[in-house]
Structure formats: structure tokens, C-alpha cells
Protein backbone atom coordinates (compact mmCIF):
# COMPACT_ATOMS: atom_id res chain seq x y z
CA MET A 1 0.00 0.00 0.00
CA VAL A 2 1.20 3.51 -0.83
CA ILE A 3 0.99 5.94 2.09
CA GLY A 4 0.30 9.60 1.43
CA PHE A 5 1.58 12.40 3.65
CA ARG A 6 0.61 16.00 4.15
CA GLU A 7 1.54 18.63 6.71
CA GLY A 8 0.55 22.19 7.47
CA VAL A 9 -0.65 24.69 10.04
CA SER A 10 -4.23 25.41 11.03
CA PHE A 11 -5.47 28.04 13.49
CA ASP A 12 -8.05 28.11 16.26
CA ARG A 13 -9.66 31.54 15.88
CA HIS A 14 -11.44 31.14 19.22
CA ARG A 15 -8.22 30.93 21.26
CA SER A 16 -5.18 33.14 21.38
CA ASN A 17 -1.57 32.10 21.06
CA TRP A 18 0.37 32.36 24.31
CA ASP A 19 1.75 35.79 23.35
CA GLY A 20 -1.75 37.17 22.86
CA THR A 21 -0.85 38.39 19.38
CA GLY A 22 -3.01 36.17 17.18
CA PRO A 23 -4.95 32.91 16.94
CA ARG A 24 -3.59 29.69 18.40
CA PRO A 25 -1.54 27.74 15.82
CA ILE A 26 -1.99 24.00 15.35
CA SER A 27 0.68 22.36 13.22
CA TRP A 28 -0.26 18.95 11.89
CA CYS A 29 0.90 15.87 9.97
CA MET A 30 -1.37 13.39 8.23
CA TRP A 31 -0.86 9.86 6.90
CA TYR A 32 -3.42 8.15 4.68
CA PRO A 33 -3.85 5.46 2.00
CA ALA A 34 -2.87 7.07 -1.30
CA VAL A 35 -3.56 6.19 -4.92
CA THR A 36 -1.44 3.29 -6.07
CA SER A 37 0.22 5.36 -8.80
CA ALA A 38 1.77 7.78 -6.27
CA VAL A 39 5.52 7.60 -5.71
CA GLU A 40 6.95 7.38 -2.21
CA SER A 41 10.15 9.12 -1.15
CA GLU A 42 12.04 9.83 2.05
CA LEU A 43 11.21 12.93 4.10
CA SER A 44 13.82 15.64 3.65
CA GLY A 45 15.70 17.44 6.41
CA ALA A 46 17.43 16.37 9.60
CA SER A 47 15.31 14.39 12.04
CA TRP A 48 15.71 12.62 15.35
CA PHE A 49 13.62 9.77 13.95
CA VAL A 50 13.84 7.05 11.35
CA THR A 51 10.74 7.46 9.19
CA SER A 52 9.11 5.46 6.42
CA PRO A 53 8.91 6.70 2.82
CA VAL A 54 5.68 8.53 1.93
CA ALA A 55 4.00 10.02 -1.13
CA HIS A 56 3.99 13.76 -0.45
CA GLY A 57 0.65 15.41 -1.20
CA ALA A 58 -0.66 12.39 -3.09
CA PRO A 59 -4.40 12.04 -3.72
CA LEU A 60 -6.37 9.81 -1.37
CA ASN A 61 -7.16 6.32 -2.57
CA ASN A 62 -10.93 6.71 -2.51
CA ARG A 63 -11.78 3.19 -3.61
CA ALA A 64 -12.40 2.23 0.02
CA GLY A 65 -15.24 4.74 0.21
CA CYS A 66 -15.18 6.04 3.78
CA TYR A 67 -12.21 5.97 6.16
CA ASN A 68 -12.04 6.04 9.92
CA LEU A 69 -9.96 8.85 11.39
CA VAL A 70 -7.53 8.60 14.31
CA LEU A 71 -6.26 11.81 15.92
CA LEU A 72 -2.88 11.58 17.64
CA SER A 73 -1.50 13.61 20.56
CA HIS A 74 2.24 13.59 21.33
CA GLY A 75 3.99 13.47 24.69
CA THR A 76 5.27 16.44 26.70
CA GLY A 77 7.70 18.49 24.65
CA GLY A 78 7.31 16.24 21.60
CA SER A 79 5.73 16.87 18.22
CA ALA A 80 3.37 15.41 15.66
CA ALA A 81 6.37 13.76 13.99
CA ALA A 82 6.96 11.73 17.15
CA MET A 83 3.72 9.85 16.39
CA GLU A 84 4.89 8.86 12.89
CA TRP A 85 5.34 5.17 13.66
CA LEU A 86 1.73 4.88 14.79
CA GLY A 87 0.24 7.23 12.21
CA HIS A 88 2.02 5.58 9.29
CA GLY A 89 1.24 2.13 10.62
CA LEU A 90 -2.46 2.84 11.02
CA ALA A 91 -2.62 4.32 7.53
CA ARG A 92 -1.24 1.04 6.18
CA ARG A 93 -4.17 -0.65 7.87
CA GLY A 94 -6.78 1.54 6.25
CA PHE A 95 -7.10 4.49 8.62
CA VAL A 96 -6.46 8.18 8.13
CA ALA A 97 -4.18 9.37 10.96
CA LEU A 98 -3.84 13.03 11.89
CA ALA A 99 -1.25 14.13 14.47
CA VAL A 100 -0.94 17.66 15.86
CA SER A 101 1.84 19.62 17.56
CA HIS A 102 0.52 21.37 20.66
CA HIS A 103 1.40 25.07 20.83
CA GLY A 104 3.96 25.87 23.53
CA ASN A 105 4.45 22.21 24.41
CA SER A 106 6.07 21.13 21.17
CA ALA A 107 9.64 20.70 19.98
CA ILE A 108 8.87 22.48 16.70
CA GLU A 109 8.77 25.88 18.44
CA ARG A 110 10.03 27.60 21.57
CA TYR A 111 8.82 25.85 24.70
CA ARG A 112 6.39 27.90 26.76
CA LEU A 113 5.70 27.35 30.43
CA GLU A 114 2.03 27.97 29.71
CA GLY A 115 1.98 25.10 27.24
CA PHE A 116 3.27 22.71 29.89
CA ALA A 117 1.06 23.97 32.73
CA CYS A 118 -2.19 24.10 30.73
CA LEU A 119 -2.35 20.61 29.26
CA TRP A 120 -6.14 20.77 28.86
CA GLU A 121 -5.69 23.05 25.82
CA ARG A 122 -4.49 19.96 23.96
CA ALA A 123 -8.02 18.54 23.86
CA ARG A 124 -9.39 21.63 22.12
CA ASP A 125 -6.58 21.39 19.56
CA LEU A 126 -7.91 18.00 18.49
CA THR A 127 -11.55 19.07 18.50
CA CYS A 128 -10.61 22.14 16.46
CA MET A 129 -8.93 19.98 13.85
CA LEU A 130 -11.97 17.74 13.63
CA ASP A 131 -14.20 20.80 13.23
CA SER A 132 -11.99 22.19 10.47
CA LEU A 133 -11.59 19.30 8.05
CA HIS A 134 -12.73 21.56 5.21
CA TRP A 135 -9.07 22.45 4.58
CA ILE A 136 -8.56 18.93 3.28
CA ALA A 137 -11.77 18.86 1.28
CA ASP A 138 -10.61 16.09 -1.04
CA ILE A 139 -10.05 13.83 1.97
CA ALA A 140 -12.68 15.17 4.38
CA SER A 141 -15.54 13.94 2.22
CA HIS A 142 -14.22 10.39 2.66
CA ILE A 143 -13.89 10.47 6.47
CA ASN A 144 -16.41 9.02 8.89
CA THR A 145 -16.86 11.84 11.43
CA ARG A 146 -19.46 9.95 13.45
CA GLN A 147 -16.90 7.52 14.83
CA VAL A 148 -13.51 9.09 15.41
CA PHE A 149 -10.69 7.57 17.45
CA VAL A 150 -8.00 9.22 19.54
CA ALA A 151 -4.58 8.02 20.63
CA GLY A 152 -2.06 9.75 22.86
CA PHE A 153 1.33 9.15 24.40
CA SER A 154 2.07 10.30 27.98
CA ALA A 155 0.56 13.81 28.21
CA GLY A 156 -1.22 12.96 24.97
CA ALA A 157 -3.09 10.23 26.84
CA TYR A 158 -4.36 12.94 29.21
CA ALA A 159 -5.74 14.85 26.21
CA ALA A 160 -7.37 11.70 24.87
CA MET A 161 -9.16 11.10 28.16
CA LEU A 162 -10.50 14.67 28.22
CA LEU A 163 -12.13 14.11 24.83
CA LEU A 164 -13.74 10.92 26.13
CA GLY A 165 -15.24 12.71 29.13
CA ALA A 166 -12.63 12.96 31.89
CA GLN A 167 -12.59 16.26 33.76
CA THR A 168 -9.65 17.76 35.61
CA SER A 169 -10.17 18.49 39.29
CA SER A 170 -6.69 19.85 40.00
CA SER A 171 -3.46 20.76 38.24
CA PRO A 172 -0.67 18.19 38.59
CA PHE A 173 1.81 21.07 38.77
CA TYR A 174 0.28 23.47 41.27
CA GLY A 175 -1.63 23.52 44.55
CA LEU A 176 -3.31 20.42 45.94
CA GLY A 177 -2.92 18.59 42.65
CA ALA A 178 0.85 18.93 42.81
CA ALA A 179 0.88 17.32 46.23
CA ARG A 180 -1.28 14.48 44.95
CA CYS A 181 0.97 13.87 41.95
CA GLY A 182 4.17 14.10 43.95
CA MET A 183 5.17 17.66 42.94
CA LEU A 184 5.24 16.78 39.27
CA ASN A 185 7.67 18.79 37.17
CA SER A 186 8.78 18.57 33.57
CA ARG A 187 12.19 18.00 32.09
CA GLN A 188 11.92 21.29 30.23
CA PHE A 189 10.65 23.29 33.23
CA PRO A 190 11.89 21.67 36.46
CA ASP A 191 10.74 24.76 38.40
CA ILE A 192 7.27 24.92 36.89
CA ALA A 193 5.40 25.05 40.21
CA THR A 194 7.33 28.08 41.48
CA ARG A 195 6.88 29.98 38.21
CA ILE A 196 3.12 29.59 37.86
CA PRO A 197 2.24 32.42 40.33
CA ARG A 198 4.15 34.89 38.17
CA LEU A 199 2.19 33.81 35.10
CA PHE A 200 -1.03 34.66 36.91
CA LEU A 201 0.25 38.21 37.30
CA GLU A 202 1.74 38.69 33.85
CA SER A 203 -0.37 36.76 31.32
CA ALA A 204 -4.05 37.34 30.63
CA VAL A 205 -4.01 34.45 28.13
CA PHE A 206 -2.72 32.13 30.84
CA ARG A 207 -5.35 33.31 33.34
CA GLU A 208 -8.13 32.64 30.83
CA SER A 209 -6.77 29.18 30.11
CA TRP A 210 -6.48 28.37 33.81
CA LYS A 211 -10.18 29.14 34.23
CA ARG A 212 -10.88 26.38 31.70
CA MET A 213 -8.97 23.71 33.64
CA SER A 214 -12.02 21.88 34.98
CA ALA A 215 -14.26 22.44 31.97
CA SER A 216 -15.73 19.52 30.07
CA TYR A 217 -13.94 18.77 26.81
CA LEU A 218 -16.13 15.80 25.98
CA ASP A 219 -16.51 15.36 22.23
CA THR A 220 -18.97 12.58 21.50
CA ARG A 221 -17.55 12.06 18.03
CA PHE A 222 -14.61 10.31 19.70
CA THR A 223 -15.78 6.79 20.45
CA ALA A 224 -12.61 5.00 21.62
CA GLY A 225 -9.18 5.90 22.92
CA LEU A 226 -5.70 4.36 22.92
CA LEU A 227 -3.51 5.49 25.82
CA LEU A 228 0.23 4.88 25.58
CA ALA A 229 2.02 5.25 28.92
CA PRO A 230 -0.40 7.79 30.43
CA GLY A 231 1.55 10.25 32.56
CA PRO A 232 0.99 11.43 36.15
CA SER A 233 -1.26 14.23 34.86
CA VAL A 234 -4.12 11.70 34.73
CA LEU A 235 -4.07 11.60 38.53
CA GLY A 236 -5.66 15.04 38.43
CA PHE A 237 -8.88 13.68 36.94
CA ALA A 238 -12.05 13.70 39.01
CA ALA A 239 -12.92 10.08 39.80
CA ASP A 240 -16.64 10.63 39.24
CA SER A 241 -16.00 11.88 35.70
CA LEU A 242 -13.99 8.74 34.92
CA ALA A 243 -16.78 6.52 36.19
CA GLU A 244 -19.18 8.06 33.67
CA ILE A 245 -17.05 7.35 30.59
CA ARG A 246 -18.63 4.72 28.36
CA ALA A 247 -16.14 4.80 25.49
CA ALA A 248 -13.74 1.89 25.11
CA VAL A 249 -10.22 2.62 26.34
CA ARG A 250 -7.07 0.59 25.75
CA ILE A 251 -4.07 1.35 27.97
CA VAL A 252 -0.56 0.15 27.11
CA VAL A 253 2.46 0.76 29.34
CA GLY A 254 5.89 -0.73 29.89
CA ASP A 255 6.72 -2.60 33.09
CA GLY A 256 9.98 -0.64 33.34
CA ASP A 257 8.42 2.81 32.99
CA LYS A 258 10.11 5.11 35.51
CA VAL A 259 8.44 8.32 34.25
CA ALA A 260 4.86 7.08 34.59
CA PRO A 261 5.00 3.82 36.56
CA ALA A 262 2.19 1.45 35.64
CA SER A 263 1.21 0.89 39.26
CA GLU A 264 0.83 4.64 39.87
CA CYS A 265 -0.74 5.90 36.65
CA SER A 266 -2.08 3.28 34.23
CA ASP A 267 -3.36 0.93 36.91
CA TRP A 268 -4.98 3.83 38.80
CA LEU A 269 -6.79 4.92 35.66
CA HIS A 270 -7.75 1.42 34.54
CA HIS A 271 -9.53 0.65 37.81
CA ARG A 272 -11.63 3.82 37.58
CA LEU A 273 -12.93 3.20 34.08
CA ARG A 274 -15.88 0.93 33.32
CA ASN A 275 -14.74 -0.13 29.84
CA SER A 276 -10.96 -0.35 29.71
CA MET A 277 -8.26 -2.92 29.09
CA LEU A 278 -4.69 -2.71 30.35
CA GLU A 279 -1.65 -4.27 28.69
CA ILE A 280 1.75 -4.16 30.37
CA LEU A 281 4.70 -4.69 28.03
CA ARG A 282 7.50 -6.87 29.42
CA PRO A 283 10.30 -7.20 30.28
CA ASN A 284 12.07 -3.93 31.17
CA VAL A 285 10.12 -1.81 28.69
CA GLY A 286 10.52 1.89 29.45
CA HIS A 287 8.45 5.02 28.95
CA TYR A 288 10.08 6.18 25.73
CA ILE A 289 9.53 2.94 23.85
CA PHE A 290 6.56 4.79 22.32
CA LEU A 291 8.85 7.23 20.50
CA PRO A 292 10.03 6.33 16.99
CA LYS A 293 13.21 4.46 16.25
CA PRO A 294 16.03 7.03 16.41
CA SER A 295 18.25 8.34 13.68
CA ARG A 296 21.93 8.81 14.46
CA LEU A 297 21.15 12.45 15.23
CA GLY A 298 18.42 11.50 17.67
CA LEU A 299 20.50 8.90 19.45
CA ARG A 300 23.40 11.32 19.74
CA SER A 301 21.24 14.24 20.91
CA THR A 302 19.07 12.50 23.51
CA PRO A 303 20.25 8.94 24.17
CA GLU A 304 17.98 8.72 27.22
CA TYR A 305 14.95 8.75 24.89
CA PHE A 306 16.23 6.10 22.53
CA THR A 307 18.42 3.68 24.47
CA ASP A 308 16.46 0.53 25.25
CA VAL A 309 17.42 -2.42 27.39
CA ASP A 310 19.36 -5.12 25.54
CA LYS A 311 17.26 -7.45 23.38
CA ILE A 312 14.36 -4.98 23.15
CA ARG A 313 13.59 -4.24 19.51
CA ARG A 314 11.65 -1.00 19.36
CA SER A 315 10.55 -1.55 15.77
CA SER A 316 9.14 -4.99 16.62
CA ILE A 317 7.18 -3.61 19.56
CA HIS A 318 5.82 -0.83 17.36
CA ALA A 319 4.75 -3.29 14.65
CA ARG A 320 2.82 -5.38 17.15
CA LEU A 321 1.24 -2.31 18.74
CA VAL A 322 0.04 -1.07 15.37
CA GLU A 323 -1.63 -4.42 14.71
CA THR A 324 -3.31 -4.65 18.12
CA SER A 325 -4.33 -0.99 18.07
CA ALA A 326 -5.93 -1.30 14.64
CA ALA A 327 -7.76 -4.41 15.84
CA PHE A 328 -8.93 -2.53 18.95
CA PHE A 329 -10.35 0.36 16.94
CA HIS A 330 -12.04 -2.03 14.50
CA SER A 331 -13.62 -3.90 17.42
CA THR A 332 -15.31 -0.72 18.65
CA MET A 333 -16.83 0.30 15.32
CA ARG A 334 -20.58 0.59 15.13
CA ASN A 335 -22.56 -0.25 12.03
CA ASP A 336 -24.06 3.22 11.66
CA ARG A 337 -25.20 4.31 8.24
CA LEU A 338 -22.62 6.88 7.07
């Protein structure tokens, strides 16, 4: 199968960027089944990741009629490109996969403290993209928008849960929520908790976002979610909101995860959901197994993200996860008339 690829930037006109100077940007990447006559080539430019060849801008293969869409949310400080292994893999199995880079929390731009503290804005990024499919009109008309799936890694899993109905009761970085989550900090902002009070004083955009922390981001178009190594931010969810979620949820985490230990995060979430399944990858599988296979540049730049325990083959784990994830999404599909 030939896989098409497109990328671009959309904007949420209802939210400001963190500087307060314009609409919130949402950069995106998309993988999809392309026409068989399209020619695949390698992505150009330096990258931390090993990626598969794609047909840039190729027309959609519309012989399948209607495609199911999976929206992808990256981990803290990552990018849409970090979800390539899953997006490309799902496209090979007949899905359209759309990954976004979350403003202020993405490696494609300058990191912003606001982007790390206000993780709930991620959910609206995904809803905005689903609302704005008109910019890919040739593909949008072939997408089933009644049953949409979501997948997220680490902080992306938090965003996925918001779309399925979870509501945040407290910030994992500040106040009572920080105490509950063990004074959670980020690699990029190890002093995040002490800097939040200053943001309240200096940034009107931040204050408005903070007011939205406990809002409902439920989007009933999302009918199932795949959570890869959900991070400690999920501990800030209100338990009663989790109990009300009816969508199917599949949680996958490594037994050697030191960033988001299964017993503290995934297991906690699994036991509060009525329709979830939990898979623990063994043995000695770490948090960053859900990042792509590294290029030489990636391995040299951040070996801690890409160095796995001996005998662990990241590409093999990814291949199996793509298969089981596609099967999971297929198992949740309804037979609605499109």
C-alpha cells in the first residue's frame, strides 16, 4: 500500500496564542492510504527519527469509500512527527491518521511554560482539527466523522481522556494537585510550580486558560481511545468523571516505565474506568519505547529517549502495537449508516 503524507498549520480563531498576538496555531501531519500510482520518497531534512517513505501530497485512494480517522497527541515536549510510527502504521491498515503539535508544548517551536502547565488546551486542539476538516476537502468527504478515534502518548493520553469525558479536578503542577501527583515537574521546566504564580500576574491568556482547567472537553464524536504510557497528569482527573465514561479505552504501558510507573498511573486509571483494558509490556520496557526508532542524530542528541534495554527491539514492539491498536479500533466500530 502507498501511504500519502501532508503537513501544514491550522489556526483556532477562538483561542489566542500564548503571546496574545493572534490565533492559536496547530501544526499537523497526516498519513493516509494514497492512490497506487503515487511515488513514495524519504522525508527531507534532519530528524531525530527514522521514518518510512511517503507520497507527499498524493491524492487519497478513494476506492475504500469512507475511512475512519484517528487523531494523535504527542507526549510532553514532543511533536506530531513523534507519532509517525503509529500514524504511518495505522494508515497502512486503512485508517487516516492526523497528528498535531501542541502550541507551547512542542519541539517544533520555543517551549512555553504555559503550554506545559495548561495541558487541557491539547483537547481543544484535536476538536478544532476535527471541526476544520474543510481544509482537506478532497479527503474530508471520505472520512467518517461519526466515529472518530483518539490516541495519545504520555501527556497525549491525558488529552485523549479529556475528549472521552474525563474532567480535571486539579493541576498536577500546582496547589493540591501537585501534592497528589508528587510535585510533578517537567524536564523542560523543572521549576514549573514556582513559576506559575508569576504567570497569573503577567499573562491574561494564561489566566483565561487556567479558568478552563475543569471544563468539560467531551466530544462525543470520539468513540474509543488508545492510551500509551499515560503520565501522572491523569491523577488530576475527578474520579466521578472517569466513572461516567462509556467509550472503550485501551491502555498500554511498559513494566519498566520510571516516568509514569504502571502501578501509579495506568493501573490507577484502569480501575476507575468501566470499559478499559490494560496491557503491560514486558520485560524492562521503558516510557520512551513509544517514541520512533532514532536516527543517528536523535541517538546522539538525547540517548535517554532512545536507548532501550538489551534485546528490546523498538521496531518490533511498534509493529505489534500497530496491529493490536488497529484491531482494537475495529472492534469498537458501530454499524451506523454513514
